[in-house]
Amino acid sequence: MPLHIVHHPDYDARFPAHHRFPMGKYSSLIGHLERKGILRRSLSHLAEHAPFEWLARAHDPRYVEQITLASVPPQIEREIGFTVSEAVSHRSRLSCGGTVAAARLALQYGIACNMAGGSHHARPGGGAGFCTLNDVGVAALELLSAGDVQKILVVDLDVHQGDGTAEMFFDDPRVFTFSMHGERNYPVRKAISDLDIGLPDRQGDQAYLERLSAVLPILLSRARPDLVFFNAGVDPHQADRLGRLSLSDDGLRERERRVIDFFRSRGISVCGVLGGGYSRDVDELAARHSILFEIAEEFA
């Protein structure tokens, strides 16, 4: 079966090349997936805007209106780390719609991926940490509201704690949030996920993968999910300028394989989202992100 991939050319809001957030990785990722033949073999779906109603389930409606009108207050823009222009507003709503679409495709076909998403620092009242809208939060609440699923597990392996997602679902027993992240990394004040594992700096492949393998059965037992959202951020990579962990390309590849294989072998659907990654070499960064799609294709 082909892998189902949701994408949109406007996931790239075309920031200047020197910007702290490597926006160009979304366009570069398309090239890597083309060169690997993954796009040719996959079934592609064009993302659409998430409607206001979906966004307002996860976020304060006033904030959603500010995003929609590209009129976010300066203090929130400072927390996000960039100006919410019309292009950023457009891409943020597309990314949320893309994760909803990928989640529904995952439920239908077992696995699907969005070529964006994983904006896990956005909390109900506003954005933060390069995240404007929490796409996984939006998608989880839309699927639950529609009755598509009863239980959801978020497996967040971005190097930064998924604090916005943890806050969003702190008292919601339908969504189990798990974050394995760098303990001394952003955010300084961590939220409380259903399960958190904070790792020391410079953790390498072997120790990282051992911790991950040990926790997967615990997550299954505690969450009993119908669907897993897998935030496959590549910022734990040894070359990431914000990560401070020490995973190799092979470590990332094995991480993706262990997560996807564990849940798909048990008949549980998996929706992959891109997550974080920070490098001045956007092409190398996009190559790391392409590993998620390479491994997901093995399980399609």
C-alpha atoms as a PDB file:
ATOM      1  CA  MET A   1       0.000   0.000   0.000  1.00  0.00           C
ATOM      2  CA  PRO A   2       1.256   3.518  -0.722  1.00  0.00           C
ATOM      3  CA  LEU A   3       1.955   5.923   2.121  1.00  0.00           C
ATOM      4  CA  HIS A   4      -0.573   8.745   2.429  1.00  0.00           C
ATOM      5  CA  ILE A   5       1.099  12.155   2.800  1.00  0.00           C
ATOM      6  CA  VAL A   6      -0.572  15.526   3.390  1.00  0.00           C
ATOM      7  CA  HIS A   7       1.303  18.594   2.165  1.00  0.00           C
ATOM      8  CA  HIS A   8       0.973  22.120   0.830  1.00  0.00           C
ATOM      9  CA  PRO A   9       3.556  24.384  -0.852  1.00  0.00           C
ATOM     10  CA  ASP A  10       2.513  27.179   1.509  1.00  0.00           C
ATOM     11  CA  TYR A  11       3.728  25.261   4.553  1.00  0.00           C
ATOM     12  CA  ASP A  12       6.805  27.328   3.722  1.00  0.00           C
ATOM     13  CA  ALA A  13       5.996  30.929   4.659  1.00  0.00           C
ATOM     14  CA  ARG A  14       9.274  31.964   2.983  1.00  0.00           C
ATOM     15  CA  PHE A  15      11.176  33.595   5.794  1.00  0.00           C
ATOM     16  CA  PRO A  16      14.557  35.200   5.005  1.00  0.00           C
ATOM     17  CA  ALA A  17      17.377  32.657   4.822  1.00  0.00           C
ATOM     18  CA  HIS A  18      19.052  34.079   7.941  1.00  0.00           C
ATOM     19  CA  HIS A  19      15.915  33.821  10.130  1.00  0.00           C
ATOM     20  CA  ARG A  20      16.249  31.870  13.406  1.00  0.00           C
ATOM     21  CA  PHE A  21      13.402  29.580  12.343  1.00  0.00           C
ATOM     22  CA  PRO A  22      14.455  27.476   9.316  1.00  0.00           C
ATOM     23  CA  MET A  23      11.202  27.876   7.384  1.00  0.00           C
ATOM     24  CA  GLY A  24      12.842  26.716   4.154  1.00  0.00           C
ATOM     25  CA  LYS A  25      13.020  23.149   5.439  1.00  0.00           C
ATOM     26  CA  TYR A  26       9.425  22.553   4.327  1.00  0.00           C
ATOM     27  CA  SER A  27      10.248  23.256   0.690  1.00  0.00           C
ATOM     28  CA  SER A  28      13.560  21.405   0.912  1.00  0.00           C
ATOM     29  CA  LEU A  29      11.775  18.341   2.343  1.00  0.00           C
ATOM     30  CA  ILE A  30       9.721  18.060  -0.847  1.00  0.00           C
ATOM     31  CA  GLY A  31      12.947  17.753  -2.848  1.00  0.00           C
ATOM     32  CA  HIS A  32      14.316  15.023  -0.582  1.00  0.00           C
ATOM     33  CA  LEU A  33      11.113  12.990  -0.790  1.00  0.00           C
ATOM     34  CA  GLU A  34      11.131  13.371  -4.583  1.00  0.00           C
ATOM     35  CA  ARG A  35      14.758  12.210  -4.849  1.00  0.00           C
ATOM     36  CA  LYS A  36      14.073   9.189  -2.625  1.00  0.00           C
ATOM     37  CA  GLY A  37      11.070   8.282  -4.789  1.00  0.00           C
ATOM     38  CA  ILE A  38       8.745   8.497  -1.804  1.00  0.00           C
ATOM     39  CA  LEU A  39       6.474  11.136  -3.329  1.00  0.00           C
ATOM     40  CA  ARG A  40       6.223   9.163  -6.558  1.00  0.00           C
ATOM     41  CA  ARG A  41       5.177   6.017  -4.690  1.00  0.00           C
ATOM     42  CA  SER A  42       2.889   7.757  -2.191  1.00  0.00           C
ATOM     43  CA  LEU A  43      -0.612   9.194  -2.407  1.00  0.00           C
ATOM     44  CA  SER A  44      -0.471  12.946  -1.807  1.00  0.00           C
ATOM     45  CA  HIS A  45      -3.259  15.062  -0.381  1.00  0.00           C
ATOM     46  CA  LEU A  46      -3.363  18.855  -0.399  1.00  0.00           C
ATOM     47  CA  ALA A  47      -3.962  20.411   3.011  1.00  0.00           C
ATOM     48  CA  GLU A  48      -6.850  22.810   3.533  1.00  0.00           C
ATOM     49  CA  HIS A  49      -7.392  25.442   6.218  1.00  0.00           C
ATOM     50  CA  ALA A  50      -8.737  24.173   9.505  1.00  0.00           C
ATOM     51  CA  PRO A  51     -12.008  26.070  10.031  1.00  0.00           C
ATOM     52  CA  PHE A  52     -12.471  28.471  12.914  1.00  0.00           C
ATOM     53  CA  GLU A  53     -14.638  25.966  14.814  1.00  0.00           C
ATOM     54  CA  TRP A  54     -11.829  23.374  14.938  1.00  0.00           C
ATOM     55  CA  LEU A  55      -9.250  25.904  16.037  1.00  0.00           C
ATOM     56  CA  ALA A  56     -11.510  27.370  18.715  1.00  0.00           C
ATOM     57  CA  ARG A  57     -11.942  23.979  20.397  1.00  0.00           C
ATOM     58  CA  ALA A  58      -8.227  23.974  21.180  1.00  0.00           C
ATOM     59  CA  HIS A  59      -7.528  27.700  21.562  1.00  0.00           C
ATOM     60  CA  ASP A  60      -9.184  30.779  23.013  1.00  0.00           C
ATOM     61  CA  PRO A  61     -11.520  32.055  20.246  1.00  0.00           C
ATOM     62  CA  ARG A  62     -10.079  35.568  20.667  1.00  0.00           C
ATOM     63  CA  TYR A  63      -6.607  34.248  19.917  1.00  0.00           C
ATOM     64  CA  VAL A  64      -7.894  32.288  16.908  1.00  0.00           C
ATOM     65  CA  GLU A  65      -9.445  35.498  15.581  1.00  0.00           C
ATOM     66  CA  GLN A  66      -6.121  37.308  16.066  1.00  0.00           C
ATOM     67  CA  ILE A  67      -4.336  34.570  14.103  1.00  0.00           C
ATOM     68  CA  THR A  68      -6.969  34.595  11.365  1.00  0.00           C
ATOM     69  CA  LEU A  69      -6.718  38.372  10.964  1.00  0.00           C
ATOM     70  CA  ALA A  70      -2.910  38.385  11.367  1.00  0.00           C
ATOM     71  CA  SER A  71      -3.336  40.804  14.279  1.00  0.00           C
ATOM     72  CA  VAL A  72      -1.590  38.940  17.101  1.00  0.00           C
ATOM     73  CA  PRO A  73      -0.509  41.272  19.941  1.00  0.00           C
ATOM     74  CA  PRO A  74       3.217  42.057  20.026  1.00  0.00           C
ATOM     75  CA  GLN A  75       3.761  40.384  23.409  1.00  0.00           C
ATOM     76  CA  ILE A  76       2.449  37.074  22.064  1.00  0.00           C
ATOM     77  CA  GLU A  77       4.494  37.464  18.867  1.00  0.00           C
ATOM     78  CA  ARG A  78       7.577  37.880  21.068  1.00  0.00           C
ATOM     79  CA  GLU A  79       6.757  34.575  22.779  1.00  0.00           C
ATOM     80  CA  ILE A  80       6.243  32.915  19.390  1.00  0.00           C
ATOM     81  CA  GLY A  81       9.516  34.288  18.050  1.00  0.00           C
ATOM     82  CA  PHE A  82       8.312  35.837  14.805  1.00  0.00           C
ATOM     83  CA  THR A  83       5.652  38.159  13.397  1.00  0.00           C
ATOM     84  CA  VAL A  84       2.339  36.501  12.536  1.00  0.00           C
ATOM     85  CA  SER A  85       1.972  37.848   9.021  1.00  0.00           C
ATOM     86  CA  GLU A  86      -0.770  36.842   6.577  1.00  0.00           C
ATOM     87  CA  ALA A  87       1.577  34.159   5.208  1.00  0.00           C
ATOM     88  CA  VAL A  88       2.213  32.778   8.717  1.00  0.00           C
ATOM     89  CA  SER A  89      -1.508  32.854   9.523  1.00  0.00           C
ATOM     90  CA  HIS A  90      -2.199  30.999   6.278  1.00  0.00           C
ATOM     91  CA  ARG A  91       0.455  28.313   6.898  1.00  0.00           C
ATOM     92  CA  SER A  92      -0.613  27.822  10.520  1.00  0.00           C
ATOM     93  CA  ARG A  93      -4.223  27.122   9.576  1.00  0.00           C
ATOM     94  CA  LEU A  94      -3.075  24.889   6.713  1.00  0.00           C
ATOM     95  CA  SER A  95      -0.820  22.929   9.066  1.00  0.00           C
ATOM     96  CA  CYS A  96      -3.718  22.283  11.453  1.00  0.00           C
ATOM     97  CA  GLY A  97      -5.975  21.203   8.600  1.00  0.00           C
ATOM     98  CA  GLY A  98      -3.166  18.982   7.330  1.00  0.00           C
ATOM     99  CA  THR A  99      -2.776  17.187  10.643  1.00  0.00           C
ATOM    100  CA  VAL A 100      -6.540  16.589  10.862  1.00  0.00           C
ATOM    101  CA  ALA A 101      -6.494  15.170   7.327  1.00  0.00           C
ATOM    102  CA  ALA A 102      -3.443  12.992   8.053  1.00  0.00           C
ATOM    103  CA  ALA A 103      -5.051  11.684  11.238  1.00  0.00           C
ATOM    104  CA  ARG A 104      -8.191  10.652   9.381  1.00  0.00           C
ATOM    105  CA  LEU A 105      -6.106   8.999   6.679  1.00  0.00           C
ATOM    106  CA  ALA A 106      -4.155   7.154   9.388  1.00  0.00           C
ATOM    107  CA  LEU A 107      -7.400   5.844  10.860  1.00  0.00           C
ATOM    108  CA  GLN A 108      -8.432   4.622   7.412  1.00  0.00           C
ATOM    109  CA  TYR A 109      -5.110   3.190   6.204  1.00  0.00           C
ATOM    110  CA  GLY A 110      -3.118   2.553   9.376  1.00  0.00           C
ATOM    111  CA  ILE A 111      -0.467   5.239   8.921  1.00  0.00           C
ATOM    112  CA  ALA A 112      -0.195   8.675   7.341  1.00  0.00           C
ATOM    113  CA  CYS A 113       2.051  11.727   7.718  1.00  0.00           C
ATOM    114  CA  ASN A 114       1.724  15.478   7.517  1.00  0.00           C
ATOM    115  CA  MET A 115       4.676  17.327   5.979  1.00  0.00           C
ATOM    116  CA  ALA A 116       4.351  19.957   8.716  1.00  0.00           C
ATOM    117  CA  GLY A 117       2.884  20.051  12.220  1.00  0.00           C
ATOM    118  CA  GLY A 118       4.105  19.226  15.669  1.00  0.00           C
ATOM    119  CA  SER A 119       3.642  22.802  16.936  1.00  0.00           C
ATOM    120  CA  HIS A 120       3.546  21.623  20.527  1.00  0.00           C
ATOM    121  CA  HIS A 121       4.403  24.833  22.417  1.00  0.00           C
ATOM    122  CA  ALA A 122       1.177  26.583  21.384  1.00  0.00           C
ATOM    123  CA  ARG A 123      -1.144  26.528  24.385  1.00  0.00           C
ATOM    124  CA  PRO A 124      -4.846  27.359  24.634  1.00  0.00           C
ATOM    125  CA  GLY A 125      -4.296  31.084  25.176  1.00  0.00           C
ATOM    126  CA  GLY A 126      -1.536  31.777  22.678  1.00  0.00           C
ATOM    127  CA  GLY A 127       1.545  30.670  20.825  1.00  0.00           C
ATOM    128  CA  ALA A 128       5.147  30.264  21.964  1.00  0.00           C
ATOM    129  CA  GLY A 129       8.463  28.794  20.866  1.00  0.00           C
ATOM    130  CA  PHE A 130       7.999  29.149  17.077  1.00  0.00           C
ATOM    131  CA  CYS A 131       4.500  27.613  17.397  1.00  0.00           C
ATOM    132  CA  THR A 132       1.342  29.576  16.563  1.00  0.00           C
ATOM    133  CA  LEU A 133      -1.446  26.962  16.637  1.00  0.00           C
ATOM    134  CA  ASN A 134      -1.229  23.500  18.197  1.00  0.00           C
ATOM    135  CA  ASP A 135      -2.098  21.278  15.248  1.00  0.00           C
ATOM    136  CA  VAL A 136      -2.066  18.008  17.201  1.00  0.00           C
ATOM    137  CA  GLY A 137      -4.335  19.547  19.828  1.00  0.00           C
ATOM    138  CA  VAL A 138      -6.700  20.798  17.127  1.00  0.00           C
ATOM    139  CA  ALA A 139      -6.733  17.405  15.399  1.00  0.00           C
ATOM    140  CA  ALA A 140      -7.235  15.422  18.611  1.00  0.00           C
ATOM    141  CA  LEU A 141     -10.217  17.509  19.677  1.00  0.00           C
ATOM    142  CA  GLU A 142     -11.778  17.436  16.205  1.00  0.00           C
ATOM    143  CA  LEU A 143     -11.527  13.628  15.984  1.00  0.00           C
ATOM    144  CA  LEU A 144     -12.899  13.194  19.497  1.00  0.00           C
ATOM    145  CA  SER A 145     -15.748  15.636  18.826  1.00  0.00           C
ATOM    146  CA  ALA A 146     -16.664  13.817  15.610  1.00  0.00           C
ATOM    147  CA  GLY A 147     -16.608  10.435  17.364  1.00  0.00           C
ATOM    148  CA  ASP A 148     -13.820   9.120  15.124  1.00  0.00           C
ATOM    149  CA  VAL A 149     -11.836   7.938  18.168  1.00  0.00           C
ATOM    150  CA  GLN A 150     -12.307   7.482  21.891  1.00  0.00           C
ATOM    151  CA  LYS A 151      -8.710   7.498  23.130  1.00  0.00           C
ATOM    152  CA  ILE A 152      -5.602   9.246  21.782  1.00  0.00           C
ATOM    153  CA  LEU A 153      -1.923   8.967  22.663  1.00  0.00           C
ATOM    154  CA  VAL A 154       0.567  11.732  21.860  1.00  0.00           C
ATOM    155  CA  VAL A 155       4.151  10.433  21.592  1.00  0.00           C
ATOM    156  CA  ASP A 156       6.250  13.586  21.520  1.00  0.00           C
ATOM    157  CA  LEU A 157       9.944  12.955  20.854  1.00  0.00           C
ATOM    158  CA  ASP A 158      10.913  16.499  19.946  1.00  0.00           C
ATOM    159  CA  VAL A 159      13.896  17.552  22.076  1.00  0.00           C
ATOM    160  CA  HIS A 160      11.772  20.268  23.708  1.00  0.00           C
ATOM    161  CA  GLN A 161       8.965  19.321  26.057  1.00  0.00           C
ATOM    162  CA  GLY A 162       5.496  19.447  24.521  1.00  0.00           C
ATOM    163  CA  ASP A 163       4.313  21.896  27.144  1.00  0.00           C
ATOM    164  CA  GLY A 164       1.444  23.411  25.156  1.00  0.00           C
ATOM    165  CA  THR A 165      -0.045  19.996  24.395  1.00  0.00           C
ATOM    166  CA  ALA A 166       0.402  18.923  28.022  1.00  0.00           C
ATOM    167  CA  GLU A 167      -1.394  22.053  29.229  1.00  0.00           C
ATOM    168  CA  MET A 168      -4.183  21.623  26.691  1.00  0.00           C
ATOM    169  CA  PHE A 169      -5.004  18.079  27.812  1.00  0.00           C
ATOM    170  CA  PHE A 170      -3.992  18.255  31.477  1.00  0.00           C
ATOM    171  CA  ASP A 171      -7.445  17.266  32.744  1.00  0.00           C
ATOM    172  CA  ASP A 172      -8.740  15.407  29.670  1.00  0.00           C
ATOM    173  CA  PRO A 173      -8.628  11.622  30.225  1.00  0.00           C
ATOM    174  CA  ARG A 174      -9.280  10.968  26.535  1.00  0.00           C
ATOM    175  CA  VAL A 175      -5.806  12.202  25.500  1.00  0.00           C
ATOM    176  CA  PHE A 176      -2.644  10.764  27.067  1.00  0.00           C
ATOM    177  CA  THR A 177       0.371  13.034  26.599  1.00  0.00           C
ATOM    178  CA  PHE A 178       3.914  11.660  26.658  1.00  0.00           C
ATOM    179  CA  SER A 179       7.042  13.759  26.160  1.00  0.00           C
ATOM    180  CA  MET A 180      10.658  12.558  26.137  1.00  0.00           C
ATOM    181  CA  HIS A 181      12.877  15.618  25.907  1.00  0.00           C
ATOM    182  CA  GLY A 182      16.049  17.324  27.041  1.00  0.00           C
ATOM    183  CA  GLU A 183      15.524  18.115  30.716  1.00  0.00           C
ATOM    184  CA  ARG A 184      17.684  21.267  30.648  1.00  0.00           C
ATOM    185  CA  ASN A 185      16.281  22.562  27.359  1.00  0.00           C
ATOM    186  CA  TYR A 186      13.402  24.909  26.505  1.00  0.00           C
ATOM    187  CA  PRO A 187      10.968  25.536  28.104  1.00  0.00           C
ATOM    188  CA  VAL A 188      12.622  26.402  31.395  1.00  0.00           C
ATOM    189  CA  ARG A 189       9.363  25.823  33.258  1.00  0.00           C
ATOM    190  CA  LYS A 190       8.001  22.471  32.170  1.00  0.00           C
ATOM    191  CA  ALA A 191       4.304  21.636  32.070  1.00  0.00           C
ATOM    192  CA  ILE A 192       2.988  18.335  33.433  1.00  0.00           C
ATOM    193  CA  SER A 193       2.341  15.675  30.799  1.00  0.00           C
ATOM    194  CA  ASP A 194       0.677  12.392  31.688  1.00  0.00           C
ATOM    195  CA  LEU A 195       4.207  10.996  31.471  1.00  0.00           C
ATOM    196  CA  ASP A 196       7.448  12.939  31.108  1.00  0.00           C
ATOM    197  CA  ILE A 197      11.000  11.683  30.661  1.00  0.00           C
ATOM    198  CA  GLY A 198      13.639  14.374  30.938  1.00  0.00           C
ATOM    199  CA  LEU A 199      17.001  13.364  29.478  1.00  0.00           C
ATOM    200  CA  PRO A 200      20.466  14.707  30.334  1.00  0.00           C
ATOM    201  CA  ASP A 201      22.479  16.605  27.749  1.00  0.00           C
ATOM    202  CA  ARG A 202      24.525  14.584  25.228  1.00  0.00           C
ATOM    203  CA  GLN A 203      22.399  11.445  25.544  1.00  0.00           C
ATOM    204  CA  GLY A 204      23.385   9.230  22.603  1.00  0.00           C
ATOM    205  CA  ASP A 205      21.699   6.572  20.505  1.00  0.00           C
ATOM    206  CA  GLN A 206      21.999   3.545  22.781  1.00  0.00           C
ATOM    207  CA  ALA A 207      20.772   5.095  26.020  1.00  0.00           C
ATOM    208  CA  TYR A 208      18.048   7.052  24.223  1.00  0.00           C
ATOM    209  CA  LEU A 209      16.691   4.007  22.406  1.00  0.00           C
ATOM    210  CA  GLU A 210      16.780   1.887  25.543  1.00  0.00           C
ATOM    211  CA  ARG A 211      14.658   4.450  27.404  1.00  0.00           C
ATOM    212  CA  LEU A 212      12.259   4.658  24.490  1.00  0.00           C
ATOM    213  CA  SER A 213      11.831   0.888  24.112  1.00  0.00           C
ATOM    214  CA  ALA A 214      11.195   0.488  27.830  1.00  0.00           C
ATOM    215  CA  VAL A 215       8.450   3.118  27.923  1.00  0.00           C
ATOM    216  CA  LEU A 216       6.420   2.054  24.864  1.00  0.00           C
ATOM    217  CA  PRO A 217       4.639  -0.871  26.606  1.00  0.00           C
ATOM    218  CA  ILE A 218       3.834   1.435  29.528  1.00  0.00           C
ATOM    219  CA  LEU A 219       2.258   3.952  27.164  1.00  0.00           C
ATOM    220  CA  LEU A 220       0.179   1.263  25.509  1.00  0.00           C
ATOM    221  CA  SER A 221      -1.061  -0.053  28.854  1.00  0.00           C
ATOM    222  CA  ARG A 222      -1.927   3.353  30.272  1.00  0.00           C
ATOM    223  CA  ALA A 223      -3.341   5.054  27.167  1.00  0.00           C
ATOM    224  CA  ARG A 224      -4.988   2.177  25.247  1.00  0.00           C
ATOM    225  CA  PRO A 225      -5.227   4.456  22.205  1.00  0.00           C
ATOM    226  CA  ASP A 226      -7.211   4.225  19.004  1.00  0.00           C
ATOM    227  CA  LEU A 227      -4.711   6.622  17.400  1.00  0.00           C
ATOM    228  CA  VAL A 228      -1.150   7.757  18.084  1.00  0.00           C
ATOM    229  CA  PHE A 229       0.140  11.193  17.118  1.00  0.00           C
ATOM    230  CA  PHE A 230       3.900  10.823  16.695  1.00  0.00           C
ATOM    231  CA  ASN A 231       5.841  14.085  16.900  1.00  0.00           C
ATOM    232  CA  ALA A 232       9.084  13.081  15.200  1.00  0.00           C
ATOM    233  CA  GLY A 233      11.109  16.227  15.830  1.00  0.00           C
ATOM    234  CA  VAL A 234      14.702  15.798  14.660  1.00  0.00           C
ATOM    235  CA  ASP A 235      16.213  18.291  17.105  1.00  0.00           C
ATOM    236  CA  PRO A 236      17.648  15.487  19.296  1.00  0.00           C
ATOM    237  CA  HIS A 237      20.208  15.074  16.475  1.00  0.00           C
ATOM    238  CA  GLN A 238      23.855  15.620  17.392  1.00  0.00           C
ATOM    239  CA  ALA A 239      24.207  18.417  14.818  1.00  0.00           C
ATOM    240  CA  ASP A 240      21.113  20.347  15.866  1.00  0.00           C
ATOM    241  CA  ARG A 241      22.002  23.818  17.113  1.00  0.00           C
ATOM    242  CA  LEU A 242      19.270  23.868  19.787  1.00  0.00           C
ATOM    243  CA  GLY A 243      19.014  20.216  20.770  1.00  0.00           C
ATOM    244  CA  ARG A 244      21.971  19.337  23.041  1.00  0.00           C
ATOM    245  CA  LEU A 245      21.351  15.594  22.656  1.00  0.00           C
ATOM    246  CA  SER A 246      23.545  13.335  20.535  1.00  0.00           C
ATOM    247  CA  LEU A 247      21.461  11.148  18.237  1.00  0.00           C
ATOM    248  CA  SER A 248      22.908  10.157  14.876  1.00  0.00           C
ATOM    249  CA  ASP A 249      21.012   9.727  11.603  1.00  0.00           C
ATOM    250  CA  ASP A 250      20.906   5.997  12.328  1.00  0.00           C
ATOM    251  CA  GLY A 251      19.604   6.740  15.819  1.00  0.00           C
ATOM    252  CA  LEU A 252      16.749   8.812  14.411  1.00  0.00           C
ATOM    253  CA  ARG A 253      15.999   6.101  11.865  1.00  0.00           C
ATOM    254  CA  GLU A 254      15.838   3.440  14.591  1.00  0.00           C
ATOM    255  CA  ARG A 255      13.738   5.713  16.808  1.00  0.00           C
ATOM    256  CA  GLU A 256      11.142   6.119  14.054  1.00  0.00           C
ATOM    257  CA  ARG A 257      11.165   2.408  13.315  1.00  0.00           C
ATOM    258  CA  ARG A 258      10.673   1.397  16.955  1.00  0.00           C
ATOM    259  CA  VAL A 259       7.763   3.762  17.545  1.00  0.00           C
ATOM    260  CA  ILE A 260       5.916   2.995  14.328  1.00  0.00           C
ATOM    261  CA  ASP A 261       6.542  -0.752  14.451  1.00  0.00           C
ATOM    262  CA  PHE A 262       5.430  -1.008  18.080  1.00  0.00           C
ATOM    263  CA  PHE A 263       2.009   0.509  17.445  1.00  0.00           C
ATOM    264  CA  ARG A 264       1.348  -0.718  13.895  1.00  0.00           C
ATOM    265  CA  SER A 265       2.187  -4.316  14.867  1.00  0.00           C
ATOM    266  CA  ARG A 266      -0.630  -4.015  17.405  1.00  0.00           C
ATOM    267  CA  GLY A 267      -3.100  -2.615  14.892  1.00  0.00           C
ATOM    268  CA  ILE A 268      -2.986   0.952  16.226  1.00  0.00           C
ATOM    269  CA  SER A 269      -3.063   3.798  13.714  1.00  0.00           C
ATOM    270  CA  VAL A 270      -0.164   6.268  13.640  1.00  0.00           C
ATOM    271  CA  CYS A 271      -0.212   9.864  12.402  1.00  0.00           C
ATOM    272  CA  GLY A 272       3.280  11.320  11.963  1.00  0.00           C
ATOM    273  CA  VAL A 273       3.974  15.058  12.206  1.00  0.00           C
ATOM    274  CA  LEU A 274       7.238  16.844  11.516  1.00  0.00           C
ATOM    275  CA  GLY A 275       8.158  18.564  14.788  1.00  0.00           C
ATOM    276  CA  GLY A 276      11.243  20.677  15.371  1.00  0.00           C
ATOM    277  CA  GLY A 277      14.705  20.801  13.896  1.00  0.00           C
ATOM    278  CA  TYR A 278      17.138  23.697  13.814  1.00  0.00           C
ATOM    279  CA  SER A 279      20.135  24.042  11.541  1.00  0.00           C
ATOM    280  CA  ARG A 280      21.583  26.717   9.327  1.00  0.00           C
ATOM    281  CA  ASP A 281      22.031  23.999   6.685  1.00  0.00           C
ATOM    282  CA  VAL A 282      18.387  23.675   5.694  1.00  0.00           C
ATOM    283  CA  ASP A 283      19.090  20.878   3.206  1.00  0.00           C
ATOM    284  CA  GLU A 284      20.721  18.671   5.848  1.00  0.00           C
ATOM    285  CA  LEU A 285      17.847  19.430   8.212  1.00  0.00           C
ATOM    286  CA  ALA A 286      15.248  18.439   5.625  1.00  0.00           C
ATOM    287  CA  ALA A 287      17.168  15.199   5.004  1.00  0.00           C
ATOM    288  CA  ARG A 288      16.745  14.347   8.699  1.00  0.00           C
ATOM    289  CA  HIS A 289      13.027  15.078   8.517  1.00  0.00           C
ATOM    290  CA  SER A 290      12.722  12.816   5.479  1.00  0.00           C
ATOM    291  CA  ILE A 291      13.648   9.815   7.650  1.00  0.00           C
ATOM    292  CA  LEU A 292      10.134   9.813   9.159  1.00  0.00           C
ATOM    293  CA  PHE A 293       8.592   9.342   5.713  1.00  0.00           C
ATOM    294  CA  GLU A 294      11.180   6.739   4.704  1.00  0.00           C
ATOM    295  CA  ILE A 295      10.315   4.592   7.735  1.00  0.00           C
ATOM    296  CA  ALA A 296       6.575   5.272   7.612  1.00  0.00           C
ATOM    297  CA  GLU A 297       6.552   3.978   4.030  1.00  0.00           C
ATOM    298  CA  GLU A 298       7.859   0.629   5.276  1.00  0.00           C
ATOM    299  CA  PHE A 299       4.705   0.221   7.358  1.00  0.00           C
ATOM    300  CA  ALA A 300       2.132   1.533   4.868  1.00  0.00           C
END
